[in-house]
Amino acid sequence: MKRPIILLLTAGFLMSGCLSFAQDPKGAQELSSKIMAAKDNKEAFILFQKAKDAFVKEAGFNEFALFLNEIAGKKKSLEPLGNYFLGLNRYLQLKNLEEKQDWNEYFDKGNAYRQELISSLS
């Protein structure tokens, strides 16, 4: 009786560790720190681009959106760049959903993604 419970708890612990690792790509915290310390918008833009590439490849579009909102909330001067990359992120996400023909997410959340894209432009 104890063995199935231990196996279940072990599996749950391993799964929760895997899920938390999948949420942020390798080096996300370092990129965040570098973006916050950027001397000018040009340097910040390059770092945002690196973050976009890392998140989209390793973690996903929604995680990148959370990352961007977190940074914009910490440093007001980065908000315009954060909004640009948020709009780009949602555009790429919708394009990706069309290409994969993931119609469930496209129709369930597509309008919210479009609204976020439009809001990032204002």
PDB file of N, CA and C in Angstrom:
ATOM      1  N   MET A   1       0.817  -1.197   0.000  1.00  0.00           N
ATOM      2  CA  MET A   1       0.000   0.000   0.000  1.00  0.00           C
ATOM      3  C   MET A   1       0.860   1.259   0.000  1.00  0.00           C
ATOM      4  N   LYS A   2       1.967   1.249   0.751  1.00  0.00           N
ATOM      5  CA  LYS A   2       2.824   2.416   0.821  1.00  0.00           C
ATOM      6  C   LYS A   2       3.548   2.655  -0.501  1.00  0.00           C
ATOM      7  N   ARG A   3       3.880   1.575  -1.199  1.00  0.00           N
ATOM      8  CA  ARG A   3       4.650   1.691  -2.428  1.00  0.00           C
ATOM      9  C   ARG A   3       3.931   2.507  -3.511  1.00  0.00           C
ATOM     10  N   PRO A   4       2.633   2.279  -3.808  1.00  0.00           N
ATOM     11  CA  PRO A   4       1.954   3.093  -4.817  1.00  0.00           C
ATOM     12  C   PRO A   4       1.880   4.573  -4.432  1.00  0.00           C
ATOM     13  N   ILE A   5       1.704   4.832  -3.140  1.00  0.00           N
ATOM     14  CA  ILE A   5       1.638   6.220  -2.690  1.00  0.00           C
ATOM     15  C   ILE A   5       2.980   6.900  -2.885  1.00  0.00           C
ATOM     16  N   ILE A   6       4.054   6.204  -2.538  1.00  0.00           N
ATOM     17  CA  ILE A   6       5.398   6.770  -2.705  1.00  0.00           C
ATOM     18  C   ILE A   6       5.685   7.006  -4.184  1.00  0.00           C
ATOM     19  N   LEU A   7       5.323   6.063  -5.023  1.00  0.00           N
ATOM     20  CA  LEU A   7       5.530   6.232  -6.465  1.00  0.00           C
ATOM     21  C   LEU A   7       4.725   7.409  -7.004  1.00  0.00           C
ATOM     22  N   LEU A   8       3.498   7.538  -6.538  1.00  0.00           N
ATOM     23  CA  LEU A   8       2.650   8.638  -6.966  1.00  0.00           C
ATOM     24  C   LEU A   8       3.220   9.981  -6.521  1.00  0.00           C
ATOM     25  N   LEU A   9       3.669  10.060  -5.286  1.00  0.00           N
ATOM     26  CA  LEU A   9       4.265  11.301  -4.778  1.00  0.00           C
ATOM     27  C   LEU A   9       5.555  11.637  -5.517  1.00  0.00           C
ATOM     28  N   THR A  10       6.369  10.622  -5.795  1.00  0.00           N
ATOM     29  CA  THR A  10       7.615  10.839  -6.534  1.00  0.00           C
ATOM     30  C   THR A  10       7.325  11.336  -7.939  1.00  0.00           C
ATOM     31  N   ALA A  11       6.360  10.727  -8.587  1.00  0.00           N
ATOM     32  CA  ALA A  11       5.995  11.153  -9.942  1.00  0.00           C
ATOM     33  C   ALA A  11       5.477  12.587  -9.934  1.00  0.00           C
ATOM     34  N   GLY A  12       4.657  12.911  -8.956  1.00  0.00           N
ATOM     35  CA  GLY A  12       4.136  14.272  -8.844  1.00  0.00           C
ATOM     36  C   GLY A  12       5.239  15.279  -8.590  1.00  0.00           C
ATOM     37  N   PHE A  13       6.192  14.926  -7.746  1.00  0.00           N
ATOM     38  CA  PHE A  13       7.320  15.821  -7.470  1.00  0.00           C
ATOM     39  C   PHE A  13       8.157  16.040  -8.722  1.00  0.00           C
ATOM     40  N   LEU A  14       8.431  14.976  -9.447  1.00  0.00           N
ATOM     41  CA  LEU A  14       9.213  15.101 -10.682  1.00  0.00           C
ATOM     42  C   LEU A  14       8.472  15.928 -11.720  1.00  0.00           C
ATOM     43  N   MET A  15       7.171  15.711 -11.842  1.00  0.00           N
ATOM     44  CA  MET A  15       6.382  16.466 -12.819  1.00  0.00           C
ATOM     45  C   MET A  15       6.359  17.945 -12.464  1.00  0.00           C
ATOM     46  N   SER A  16       6.211  18.273 -11.190  1.00  0.00           N
ATOM     47  CA  SER A  16       6.172  19.685 -10.807  1.00  0.00           C
ATOM     48  C   SER A  16       7.516  20.345 -11.070  1.00  0.00           C
ATOM     49  N   GLY A  17       8.598  19.635 -10.888  1.00  0.00           N
ATOM     50  CA  GLY A  17       9.915  20.179 -11.209  1.00  0.00           C
ATOM     51  C   GLY A  17      10.083  20.394 -12.693  1.00  0.00           C
ATOM     52  N   CYS A  18       9.589  19.494 -13.497  1.00  0.00           N
ATOM     53  CA  CYS A  18       9.676  19.639 -14.946  1.00  0.00           C
ATOM     54  C   CYS A  18       8.839  20.809 -15.420  1.00  0.00           C
ATOM     55  N   LEU A  19       7.673  20.977 -14.838  1.00  0.00           N
ATOM     56  CA  LEU A  19       6.803  22.060 -15.256  1.00  0.00           C
ATOM     57  C   LEU A  19       7.397  23.421 -14.897  1.00  0.00           C
ATOM     58  N   SER A  20       7.998  23.528 -13.732  1.00  0.00           N
ATOM     59  CA  SER A  20       8.568  24.816 -13.360  1.00  0.00           C
ATOM     60  C   SER A  20       9.778  25.133 -14.221  1.00  0.00           C
ATOM     61  N   PHE A  21      10.532  24.131 -14.639  1.00  0.00           N
ATOM     62  CA  PHE A  21      11.663  24.368 -15.528  1.00  0.00           C
ATOM     63  C   PHE A  21      11.195  24.822 -16.896  1.00  0.00           C
ATOM     64  N   ALA A  22      10.073  24.297 -17.348  1.00  0.00           N
ATOM     65  CA  ALA A  22       9.585  24.637 -18.691  1.00  0.00           C
ATOM     66  C   ALA A  22       9.032  26.055 -18.771  1.00  0.00           C
ATOM     67  N   GLN A  23       8.747  26.668 -17.642  1.00  0.00           N
ATOM     68  CA  GLN A  23       8.131  27.985 -17.672  1.00  0.00           C
ATOM     69  C   GLN A  23       9.100  29.086 -18.075  1.00  0.00           C
ATOM     70  N   ASP A  24      10.349  28.989 -17.695  1.00  0.00           N
ATOM     71  CA  ASP A  24      11.333  30.004 -18.032  1.00  0.00           C
ATOM     72  C   ASP A  24      12.506  29.352 -18.736  1.00  0.00           C
ATOM     73  N   PRO A  25      12.940  29.947 -19.836  1.00  0.00           N
ATOM     74  CA  PRO A  25      14.083  29.373 -20.525  1.00  0.00           C
ATOM     75  C   PRO A  25      15.359  29.593 -19.728  1.00  0.00           C
ATOM     76  N   LYS A  26      16.359  28.844 -20.079  1.00  0.00           N
ATOM     77  CA  LYS A  26      17.664  28.969 -19.439  1.00  0.00           C
ATOM     78  C   LYS A  26      18.168  30.405 -19.582  1.00  0.00           C
ATOM     79  N   GLY A  27      18.578  30.988 -18.492  1.00  0.00           N
ATOM     80  CA  GLY A  27      19.128  32.329 -18.521  1.00  0.00           C
ATOM     81  C   GLY A  27      18.107  33.446 -18.513  1.00  0.00           C
ATOM     82  N   ALA A  28      16.831  33.142 -18.266  1.00  0.00           N
ATOM     83  CA  ALA A  28      15.786  34.176 -18.288  1.00  0.00           C
ATOM     84  C   ALA A  28      16.022  35.225 -17.214  1.00  0.00           C
ATOM     85  N   GLN A  29      16.420  34.794 -16.037  1.00  0.00           N
ATOM     86  CA  GLN A  29      16.657  35.744 -14.944  1.00  0.00           C
ATOM     87  C   GLN A  29      17.841  36.645 -15.287  1.00  0.00           C
ATOM     88  N   GLU A  30      18.862  36.080 -15.881  1.00  0.00           N
ATOM     89  CA  GLU A  30      20.030  36.875 -16.280  1.00  0.00           C
ATOM     90  C   GLU A  30      19.652  37.897 -17.361  1.00  0.00           C
ATOM     91  N   LEU A  31      18.859  37.454 -18.344  1.00  0.00           N
ATOM     92  CA  LEU A  31      18.409  38.385 -19.387  1.00  0.00           C
ATOM     93  C   LEU A  31      17.562  39.506 -18.793  1.00  0.00           C
ATOM     94  N   SER A  32      16.716  39.170 -17.854  1.00  0.00           N
ATOM     95  CA  SER A  32      15.889  40.175 -17.200  1.00  0.00           C
ATOM     96  C   SER A  32      16.761  41.216 -16.510  1.00  0.00           C
ATOM     97  N   SER A  33      17.768  40.761 -15.797  1.00  0.00           N
ATOM     98  CA  SER A  33      18.680  41.679 -15.113  1.00  0.00           C
ATOM     99  C   SER A  33      19.431  42.565 -16.096  1.00  0.00           C
ATOM    100  N   LYS A  34      19.879  41.976 -17.197  1.00  0.00           N
ATOM    101  CA  LYS A  34      20.598  42.746 -18.206  1.00  0.00           C
ATOM    102  C   LYS A  34      19.696  43.785 -18.863  1.00  0.00           C
ATOM    103  N   ILE A  35      18.451  43.406 -19.121  1.00  0.00           N
ATOM    104  CA  ILE A  35      17.501  44.356 -19.718  1.00  0.00           C
ATOM    105  C   ILE A  35      17.270  45.521 -18.763  1.00  0.00           C
ATOM    106  N   MET A  36      17.092  45.219 -17.494  1.00  0.00           N
ATOM    107  CA  MET A  36      16.852  46.266 -16.508  1.00  0.00           C
ATOM    108  C   MET A  36      18.058  47.210 -16.388  1.00  0.00           C
ATOM    109  N   ALA A  37      19.259  46.681 -16.618  1.00  0.00           N
ATOM    110  CA  ALA A  37      20.472  47.483 -16.481  1.00  0.00           C
ATOM    111  C   ALA A  37      20.929  48.095 -17.805  1.00  0.00           C
ATOM    112  N   ALA A  38      20.187  47.899 -18.876  1.00  0.00           N
ATOM    113  CA  ALA A  38      20.596  48.409 -20.193  1.00  0.00           C
ATOM    114  C   ALA A  38      20.818  49.919 -20.137  1.00  0.00           C
ATOM    115  N   LYS A  39      21.903  50.350 -20.804  1.00  0.00           N
ATOM    116  CA  LYS A  39      22.266  51.769 -20.795  1.00  0.00           C
ATOM    117  C   LYS A  39      21.352  52.615 -21.668  1.00  0.00           C
ATOM    118  N   ASP A  40      20.876  52.015 -22.766  1.00  0.00           N
ATOM    119  CA  ASP A  40      20.028  52.770 -23.684  1.00  0.00           C
ATOM    120  C   ASP A  40      19.039  51.812 -24.358  1.00  0.00           C
ATOM    121  N   ASN A  41      18.141  52.380 -25.165  1.00  0.00           N
ATOM    122  CA  ASN A  41      17.109  51.573 -25.824  1.00  0.00           C
ATOM    123  C   ASN A  41      17.690  50.608 -26.852  1.00  0.00           C
ATOM    124  N   LYS A  42      18.793  50.979 -27.479  1.00  0.00           N
ATOM    125  CA  LYS A  42      19.406  50.090 -28.471  1.00  0.00           C
ATOM    126  C   LYS A  42      19.882  48.795 -27.804  1.00  0.00           C
ATOM    127  N   GLU A  43      20.558  48.943 -26.685  1.00  0.00           N
ATOM    128  CA  GLU A  43      21.029  47.764 -25.951  1.00  0.00           C
ATOM    129  C   GLU A  43      19.843  46.952 -25.433  1.00  0.00           C
ATOM    130  N   ALA A  44      18.835  47.630 -24.920  1.00  0.00           N
ATOM    131  CA  ALA A  44      17.646  46.943 -24.408  1.00  0.00           C
ATOM    132  C   ALA A  44      16.937  46.195 -25.531  1.00  0.00           C
ATOM    133  N   PHE A  45      16.857  46.807 -26.734  1.00  0.00           N
ATOM    134  CA  PHE A  45      16.201  46.163 -27.873  1.00  0.00           C
ATOM    135  C   PHE A  45      16.891  44.843 -28.210  1.00  0.00           C
ATOM    136  N   ILE A  46      18.207  44.853 -28.246  1.00  0.00           N
ATOM    137  CA  ILE A  46      18.969  43.634 -28.559  1.00  0.00           C
ATOM    138  C   ILE A  46      18.705  42.558 -27.511  1.00  0.00           C
ATOM    139  N   LEU A  47      18.655  42.967 -26.256  1.00  0.00           N
ATOM    140  CA  LEU A  47      18.389  42.004 -25.179  1.00  0.00           C
ATOM    141  C   LEU A  47      16.955  41.482 -25.218  1.00  0.00           C
ATOM    142  N   PHE A  48      16.005  42.347 -25.534  1.00  0.00           N
ATOM    143  CA  PHE A  48      14.620  41.890 -25.707  1.00  0.00           C
ATOM    144  C   PHE A  48      14.534  40.869 -26.842  1.00  0.00           C
ATOM    145  N   GLN A  49      15.272  41.109 -27.920  1.00  0.00           N
ATOM    146  CA  GLN A  49      15.281  40.180 -29.061  1.00  0.00           C
ATOM    147  C   GLN A  49      15.816  38.816 -28.636  1.00  0.00           C
ATOM    148  N   LYS A  50      16.896  38.814 -27.856  1.00  0.00           N
ATOM    149  CA  LYS A  50      17.454  37.549 -27.350  1.00  0.00           C
ATOM    150  C   LYS A  50      16.443  36.836 -26.455  1.00  0.00           C
ATOM    151  N   ALA A  51      15.763  37.608 -25.624  1.00  0.00           N
ATOM    152  CA  ALA A  51      14.751  37.015 -24.739  1.00  0.00           C
ATOM    153  C   ALA A  51      13.620  36.408 -25.554  1.00  0.00           C
ATOM    154  N   LYS A  52      13.175  37.126 -26.592  1.00  0.00           N
ATOM    155  CA  LYS A  52      12.099  36.610 -27.454  1.00  0.00           C
ATOM    156  C   LYS A  52      12.503  35.275 -28.060  1.00  0.00           C
ATOM    157  N   ASP A  53      13.703  35.232 -28.614  1.00  0.00           N
ATOM    158  CA  ASP A  53      14.176  33.997 -29.244  1.00  0.00           C
ATOM    159  C   ASP A  53      14.232  32.848 -28.244  1.00  0.00           C
ATOM    160  N   ALA A  54      14.750  33.124 -27.046  1.00  0.00           N
ATOM    161  CA  ALA A  54      14.869  32.077 -26.028  1.00  0.00           C
ATOM    162  C   ALA A  54      13.502  31.602 -25.548  1.00  0.00           C
ATOM    163  N   PHE A  55      12.601  32.522 -25.258  1.00  0.00           N
ATOM    164  CA  PHE A  55      11.286  32.135 -24.743  1.00  0.00           C
ATOM    165  C   PHE A  55      10.479  31.378 -25.783  1.00  0.00           C
ATOM    166  N   VAL A  56      10.441  31.885 -27.003  1.00  0.00           N
ATOM    167  CA  VAL A  56       9.627  31.232 -28.030  1.00  0.00           C
ATOM    168  C   VAL A  56      10.161  29.833 -28.312  1.00  0.00           C
ATOM    169  N   LYS A  57      11.469  29.674 -28.294  1.00  0.00           N
ATOM    170  CA  LYS A  57      12.078  28.369 -28.573  1.00  0.00           C
ATOM    171  C   LYS A  57      11.888  27.387 -27.418  1.00  0.00           C
ATOM    172  N   GLU A  58      12.090  27.864 -26.183  1.00  0.00           N
ATOM    173  CA  GLU A  58      12.140  26.958 -25.040  1.00  0.00           C
ATOM    174  C   GLU A  58      10.885  26.936 -24.172  1.00  0.00           C
ATOM    175  N   ALA A  59      10.226  28.072 -24.013  1.00  0.00           N
ATOM    176  CA  ALA A  59       9.137  28.136 -23.038  1.00  0.00           C
ATOM    177  C   ALA A  59       7.776  28.354 -23.678  1.00  0.00           C
ATOM    178  N   GLY A  60       7.684  29.294 -24.559  1.00  0.00           N
ATOM    179  CA  GLY A  60       6.419  29.536 -25.214  1.00  0.00           C
ATOM    180  C   GLY A  60       6.026  30.998 -25.219  1.00  0.00           C
ATOM    181  N   PHE A  61       5.016  31.272 -26.009  1.00  0.00           N
ATOM    182  CA  PHE A  61       4.548  32.631 -26.220  1.00  0.00           C
ATOM    183  C   PHE A  61       3.932  33.236 -24.967  1.00  0.00           C
ATOM    184  N   ASN A  62       3.130  32.466 -24.264  1.00  0.00           N
ATOM    185  CA  ASN A  62       2.461  33.002 -23.078  1.00  0.00           C
ATOM    186  C   ASN A  62       3.457  33.338 -21.978  1.00  0.00           C
ATOM    187  N   GLU A  63       4.488  32.523 -21.832  1.00  0.00           N
ATOM    188  CA  GLU A  63       5.510  32.786 -20.836  1.00  0.00           C
ATOM    189  C   GLU A  63       6.290  34.048 -21.186  1.00  0.00           C
ATOM    190  N   PHE A  64       6.523  34.277 -22.487  1.00  0.00           N
ATOM    191  CA  PHE A  64       7.215  35.492 -22.902  1.00  0.00           C
ATOM    192  C   PHE A  64       6.354  36.721 -22.608  1.00  0.00           C
ATOM    193  N   ALA A  65       5.054  36.621 -22.815  1.00  0.00           N
ATOM    194  CA  ALA A  65       4.154  37.731 -22.503  1.00  0.00           C
ATOM    195  C   ALA A  65       4.212  38.066 -21.014  1.00  0.00           C
ATOM    196  N   LEU A  66       4.238  37.060 -20.154  1.00  0.00           N
ATOM    197  CA  LEU A  66       4.352  37.293 -18.713  1.00  0.00           C
ATOM    198  C   LEU A  66       5.680  37.964 -18.373  1.00  0.00           C
ATOM    199  N   PHE A  67       6.746  37.503 -19.001  1.00  0.00           N
ATOM    200  CA  PHE A  67       8.075  38.076 -18.820  1.00  0.00           C
ATOM    201  C   PHE A  67       8.075  39.553 -19.186  1.00  0.00           C
ATOM    202  N   LEU A  68       7.477  39.884 -20.319  1.00  0.00           N
ATOM    203  CA  LEU A  68       7.434  41.269 -20.790  1.00  0.00           C
ATOM    204  C   LEU A  68       6.628  42.154 -19.847  1.00  0.00           C
ATOM    205  N   ASN A  69       5.492  41.667 -19.401  1.00  0.00           N
ATOM    206  CA  ASN A  69       4.659  42.447 -18.484  1.00  0.00           C
ATOM    207  C   ASN A  69       5.372  42.684 -17.151  1.00  0.00           C
ATOM    208  N   GLU A  70       6.122  41.700 -16.717  1.00  0.00           N
ATOM    209  CA  GLU A  70       6.867  41.835 -15.474  1.00  0.00           C
ATOM    210  C   GLU A  70       7.944  42.923 -15.603  1.00  0.00           C
ATOM    211  N   ILE A  71       8.666  42.923 -16.701  1.00  0.00           N
ATOM    212  CA  ILE A  71       9.718  43.918 -16.905  1.00  0.00           C
ATOM    213  C   ILE A  71       9.118  45.319 -17.043  1.00  0.00           C
ATOM    214  N   ALA A  72       8.062  45.444 -17.824  1.00  0.00           N
ATOM    215  CA  ALA A  72       7.428  46.753 -18.015  1.00  0.00           C
ATOM    216  C   ALA A  72       6.916  47.303 -16.690  1.00  0.00           C
ATOM    217  N   GLY A  73       6.487  46.429 -15.807  1.00  0.00           N
ATOM    218  CA  GLY A  73       6.008  46.868 -14.502  1.00  0.00           C
ATOM    219  C   GLY A  73       7.111  47.347 -13.588  1.00  0.00           C
ATOM    220  N   LYS A  74       8.331  46.880 -13.822  1.00  0.00           N
ATOM    221  CA  LYS A  74       9.455  47.249 -12.966  1.00  0.00           C
ATOM    222  C   LYS A  74      10.141  48.535 -13.402  1.00  0.00           C
ATOM    223  N   LYS A  75      10.179  48.781 -14.704  1.00  0.00           N
ATOM    224  CA  LYS A  75      10.920  49.944 -15.203  1.00  0.00           C
ATOM    225  C   LYS A  75      10.112  50.622 -16.301  1.00  0.00           C
ATOM    226  N   LYS A  76       9.557  51.755 -15.978  1.00  0.00           N
ATOM    227  CA  LYS A  76       8.631  52.469 -16.872  1.00  0.00           C
ATOM    228  C   LYS A  76       9.279  52.828 -18.214  1.00  0.00           C
ATOM    229  N   SER A  77      10.578  53.123 -18.233  1.00  0.00           N
ATOM    230  CA  SER A  77      11.237  53.527 -19.483  1.00  0.00           C
ATOM    231  C   SER A  77      11.333  52.383 -20.488  1.00  0.00           C
ATOM    232  N   LEU A  78      11.146  51.149 -20.028  1.00  0.00           N
ATOM    233  CA  LEU A  78      11.188  49.985 -20.931  1.00  0.00           C
ATOM    234  C   LEU A  78       9.814  49.622 -21.472  1.00  0.00           C
ATOM    235  N   GLU A  79       8.795  50.330 -21.027  1.00  0.00           N
ATOM    236  CA  GLU A  79       7.428  50.002 -21.432  1.00  0.00           C
ATOM    237  C   GLU A  79       7.209  50.052 -22.949  1.00  0.00           C
ATOM    238  N   PRO A  80       7.700  51.087 -23.675  1.00  0.00           N
ATOM    239  CA  PRO A  80       7.489  51.093 -25.136  1.00  0.00           C
ATOM    240  C   PRO A  80       8.111  49.876 -25.843  1.00  0.00           C
ATOM    241  N   LEU A  81       9.330  49.509 -25.446  1.00  0.00           N
ATOM    242  CA  LEU A  81       9.948  48.324 -26.047  1.00  0.00           C
ATOM    243  C   LEU A  81       9.197  47.050 -25.644  1.00  0.00           C
ATOM    244  N   GLY A  82       8.790  46.995 -24.387  1.00  0.00           N
ATOM    245  CA  GLY A  82       8.017  45.846 -23.929  1.00  0.00           C
ATOM    246  C   GLY A  82       6.713  45.708 -24.696  1.00  0.00           C
ATOM    247  N   ASN A  83       6.055  46.830 -24.950  1.00  0.00           N
ATOM    248  CA  ASN A  83       4.803  46.804 -25.719  1.00  0.00           C
ATOM    249  C   ASN A  83       5.044  46.349 -27.154  1.00  0.00           C
ATOM    250  N   TYR A  84       6.134  46.817 -27.761  1.00  0.00           N
ATOM    251  CA  TYR A  84       6.470  46.389 -29.126  1.00  0.00           C
ATOM    252  C   TYR A  84       6.638  44.873 -29.175  1.00  0.00           C
ATOM    253  N   PHE A  85       7.436  44.349 -28.245  1.00  0.00           N
ATOM    254  CA  PHE A  85       7.684  42.907 -28.255  1.00  0.00           C
ATOM    255  C   PHE A  85       6.457  42.110 -27.836  1.00  0.00           C
ATOM    256  N   LEU A  86       5.585  42.682 -27.026  1.00  0.00           N
ATOM    257  CA  LEU A  86       4.329  42.010 -26.673  1.00  0.00           C
ATOM    258  C   LEU A  86       3.445  41.882 -27.911  1.00  0.00           C
ATOM    259  N   GLY A  87       3.328  42.970 -28.682  1.00  0.00           N
ATOM    260  CA  GLY A  87       2.557  42.915 -29.923  1.00  0.00           C
ATOM    261  C   GLY A  87       3.139  41.929 -30.911  1.00  0.00           C
ATOM    262  N   LEU A  88       4.466  41.964 -31.073  1.00  0.00           N
ATOM    263  CA  LEU A  88       5.143  41.023 -31.972  1.00  0.00           C
ATOM    264  C   LEU A  88       4.932  39.587 -31.509  1.00  0.00           C
ATOM    265  N   ASN A  89       5.038  39.369 -30.207  1.00  0.00           N
ATOM    266  CA  ASN A  89       4.853  38.040 -29.639  1.00  0.00           C
ATOM    267  C   ASN A  89       3.461  37.492 -29.941  1.00  0.00           C
ATOM    268  N   ARG A  90       2.429  38.311 -29.735  1.00  0.00           N
ATOM    269  CA  ARG A  90       1.057  37.840 -29.974  1.00  0.00           C
ATOM    270  C   ARG A  90       0.808  37.608 -31.470  1.00  0.00           C
ATOM    271  N   TYR A  91       1.391  38.462 -32.313  1.00  0.00           N
ATOM    272  CA  TYR A  91       1.267  38.248 -33.755  1.00  0.00           C
ATOM    273  C   TYR A  91       1.896  36.906 -34.144  1.00  0.00           C
ATOM    274  N   LEU A  92       3.106  36.651 -33.651  1.00  0.00           N
ATOM    275  CA  LEU A  92       3.787  35.392 -33.966  1.00  0.00           C
ATOM    276  C   LEU A  92       3.037  34.193 -33.390  1.00  0.00           C
ATOM    277  N   GLN A  93       2.428  34.383 -32.229  1.00  0.00           N
ATOM    278  CA  GLN A  93       1.660  33.296 -31.624  1.00  0.00           C
ATOM    279  C   GLN A  93       0.447  32.947 -32.479  1.00  0.00           C
ATOM    280  N   LEU A  94      -0.279  33.958 -32.925  1.00  0.00           N
ATOM    281  CA  LEU A  94      -1.446  33.703 -33.778  1.00  0.00           C
ATOM    282  C   LEU A  94      -1.024  33.060 -35.099  1.00  0.00           C
ATOM    283  N   LYS A  95       0.061  33.535 -35.661  1.00  0.00           N
ATOM    284  CA  LYS A  95       0.584  32.957 -36.904  1.00  0.00           C
ATOM    285  C   LYS A  95       0.973  31.496 -36.694  1.00  0.00           C
ATOM    286  N   ASN A  96       1.604  31.222 -35.562  1.00  0.00           N
ATOM    287  CA  ASN A  96       2.006  29.853 -35.240  1.00  0.00           C
ATOM    288  C   ASN A  96       0.796  28.942 -35.066  1.00  0.00           C
ATOM    289  N   LEU A  97      -0.247  29.453 -34.412  1.00  0.00           N
ATOM    290  CA  LEU A  97      -1.466  28.650 -34.224  1.00  0.00           C
ATOM    291  C   LEU A  97      -2.118  28.332 -35.567  1.00  0.00           C
ATOM    292  N   GLU A  98      -2.099  29.295 -36.495  1.00  0.00           N
ATOM    293  CA  GLU A  98      -2.642  29.050 -37.835  1.00  0.00           C
ATOM    294  C   GLU A  98      -1.826  27.986 -38.565  1.00  0.00           C
ATOM    295  N   GLU A  99      -0.501  28.104 -38.486  1.00  0.00           N
ATOM    296  CA  GLU A  99       0.366  27.149 -39.181  1.00  0.00           C
ATOM    297  C   GLU A  99       0.220  25.739 -38.629  1.00  0.00           C
ATOM    298  N   LYS A 100       0.100  25.627 -37.289  1.00  0.00           N
ATOM    299  CA  LYS A 100      -0.082  24.317 -36.659  1.00  0.00           C
ATOM    300  C   LYS A 100      -1.515  23.833 -36.770  1.00  0.00           C
ATOM    301  N   GLN A 101      -2.392  24.724 -37.205  1.00  0.00           N
ATOM    302  CA  GLN A 101      -3.828  24.464 -37.272  1.00  0.00           C
ATOM    303  C   GLN A 101      -4.378  24.020 -35.918  1.00  0.00           C
ATOM    304  N   ASP A 102      -3.924  24.723 -34.884  1.00  0.00           N
ATOM    305  CA  ASP A 102      -4.416  24.502 -33.531  1.00  0.00           C
ATOM    306  C   ASP A 102      -5.648  25.374 -33.347  1.00  0.00           C
ATOM    307  N   TRP A 103      -6.738  24.939 -33.939  1.00  0.00           N
ATOM    308  CA  TRP A 103      -7.942  25.762 -33.993  1.00  0.00           C
ATOM    309  C   TRP A 103      -8.609  25.932 -32.641  1.00  0.00           C
ATOM    310  N   ASN A 104      -8.432  24.960 -31.743  1.00  0.00           N
ATOM    311  CA  ASN A 104      -9.049  25.100 -30.408  1.00  0.00           C
ATOM    312  C   ASN A 104      -8.521  26.337 -29.701  1.00  0.00           C
ATOM    313  N   GLU A 105      -7.197  26.441 -29.586  1.00  0.00           N
ATOM    314  CA  GLU A 105      -6.620  27.619 -28.925  1.00  0.00           C
ATOM    315  C   GLU A 105      -6.851  28.875 -29.749  1.00  0.00           C
ATOM    316  N   TYR A 106      -6.766  28.741 -31.056  1.00  0.00           N
ATOM    317  CA  TYR A 106      -6.947  29.906 -31.938  1.00  0.00           C
ATOM    318  C   TYR A 106      -8.308  30.555 -31.712  1.00  0.00           C
ATOM    319  N   PHE A 107      -9.358  29.730 -31.666  1.00  0.00           N
ATOM    320  CA  PHE A 107     -10.698  30.289 -31.502  1.00  0.00           C
ATOM    321  C   PHE A 107     -11.062  30.562 -30.039  1.00  0.00           C
ATOM    322  N   ASP A 108     -10.462  29.794 -29.111  1.00  0.00           N
ATOM    323  CA  ASP A 108     -10.749  30.022 -27.694  1.00  0.00           C
ATOM    324  C   ASP A 108     -10.064  31.282 -27.165  1.00  0.00           C
ATOM    325  N   LYS A 109      -8.827  31.511 -27.573  1.00  0.00           N
ATOM    326  CA  LYS A 109      -8.037  32.600 -26.996  1.00  0.00           C
ATOM    327  C   LYS A 109      -7.575  33.628 -28.017  1.00  0.00           C
ATOM    328  N   GLY A 110      -7.830  33.391 -29.287  1.00  0.00           N
ATOM    329  CA  GLY A 110      -7.361  34.278 -30.345  1.00  0.00           C
ATOM    330  C   GLY A 110      -7.812  35.715 -30.193  1.00  0.00           C
ATOM    331  N   ASN A 111      -9.073  35.924 -29.815  1.00  0.00           N
ATOM    332  CA  ASN A 111      -9.568  37.297 -29.643  1.00  0.00           C
ATOM    333  C   ASN A 111      -8.849  38.012 -28.504  1.00  0.00           C
ATOM    334  N   ALA A 112      -8.551  37.297 -27.436  1.00  0.00           N
ATOM    335  CA  ALA A 112      -7.810  37.901 -26.318  1.00  0.00           C
ATOM    336  C   ALA A 112      -6.392  38.248 -26.762  1.00  0.00           C
ATOM    337  N   TYR A 113      -5.765  37.365 -27.546  1.00  0.00           N
ATOM    338  CA  TYR A 113      -4.423  37.642 -28.055  1.00  0.00           C
ATOM    339  C   TYR A 113      -4.440  38.856 -28.986  1.00  0.00           C
ATOM    340  N   ARG A 114      -5.457  38.936 -29.846  1.00  0.00           N
ATOM    341  CA  ARG A 114      -5.577  40.087 -30.760  1.00  0.00           C
ATOM    342  C   ARG A 114      -5.781  41.380 -29.983  1.00  0.00           C
ATOM    343  N   GLN A 115      -6.611  41.323 -28.954  1.00  0.00           N
ATOM    344  CA  GLN A 115      -6.859  42.508 -28.132  1.00  0.00           C
ATOM    345  C   GLN A 115      -5.576  42.951 -27.432  1.00  0.00           C
ATOM    346  N   GLU A 116      -4.811  42.003 -26.953  1.00  0.00           N
ATOM    347  CA  GLU A 116      -3.537  42.336 -26.309  1.00  0.00           C
ATOM    348  C   GLU A 116      -2.570  42.946 -27.319  1.00  0.00           C
ATOM    349  N   LEU A 117      -2.581  42.415 -28.543  1.00  0.00           N
ATOM    350  CA  LEU A 117      -1.756  42.965 -29.611  1.00  0.00           C
ATOM    351  C   LEU A 117      -2.141  44.411 -29.888  1.00  0.00           C
ATOM    352  N   ILE A 118      -3.428  44.676 -30.036  1.00  0.00           N
ATOM    353  CA  ILE A 118      -3.917  46.024 -30.315  1.00  0.00           C
ATOM    354  C   ILE A 118      -3.612  46.970 -29.147  1.00  0.00           C
ATOM    355  N   SER A 119      -3.807  46.494 -27.932  1.00  0.00           N
ATOM    356  CA  SER A 119      -3.538  47.318 -26.749  1.00  0.00           C
ATOM    357  C   SER A 119      -2.060  47.673 -26.640  1.00  0.00           C
ATOM    358  N   SER A 120      -1.196  46.778 -27.082  1.00  0.00           N
ATOM    359  CA  SER A 120       0.250  47.049 -26.993  1.00  0.00           C
ATOM    360  C   SER A 120       0.673  48.151 -27.944  1.00  0.00           C
ATOM    361  N   LEU A 121      -0.160  48.446 -28.945  1.00  0.00           N
ATOM    362  CA  LEU A 121       0.189  49.479 -29.920  1.00  0.00           C
ATOM    363  C   LEU A 121      -0.179  50.882 -29.450  1.00  0.00           C
ATOM    364  N   SER A 122      -1.019  50.972 -28.444  1.00  0.00           N
ATOM    365  CA  SER A 122      -1.453  52.308 -27.999  1.00  0.00           C
ATOM    366  C   SER A 122      -0.660  52.811 -26.819  1.00  0.00           C
TER     367      SER A 122
END
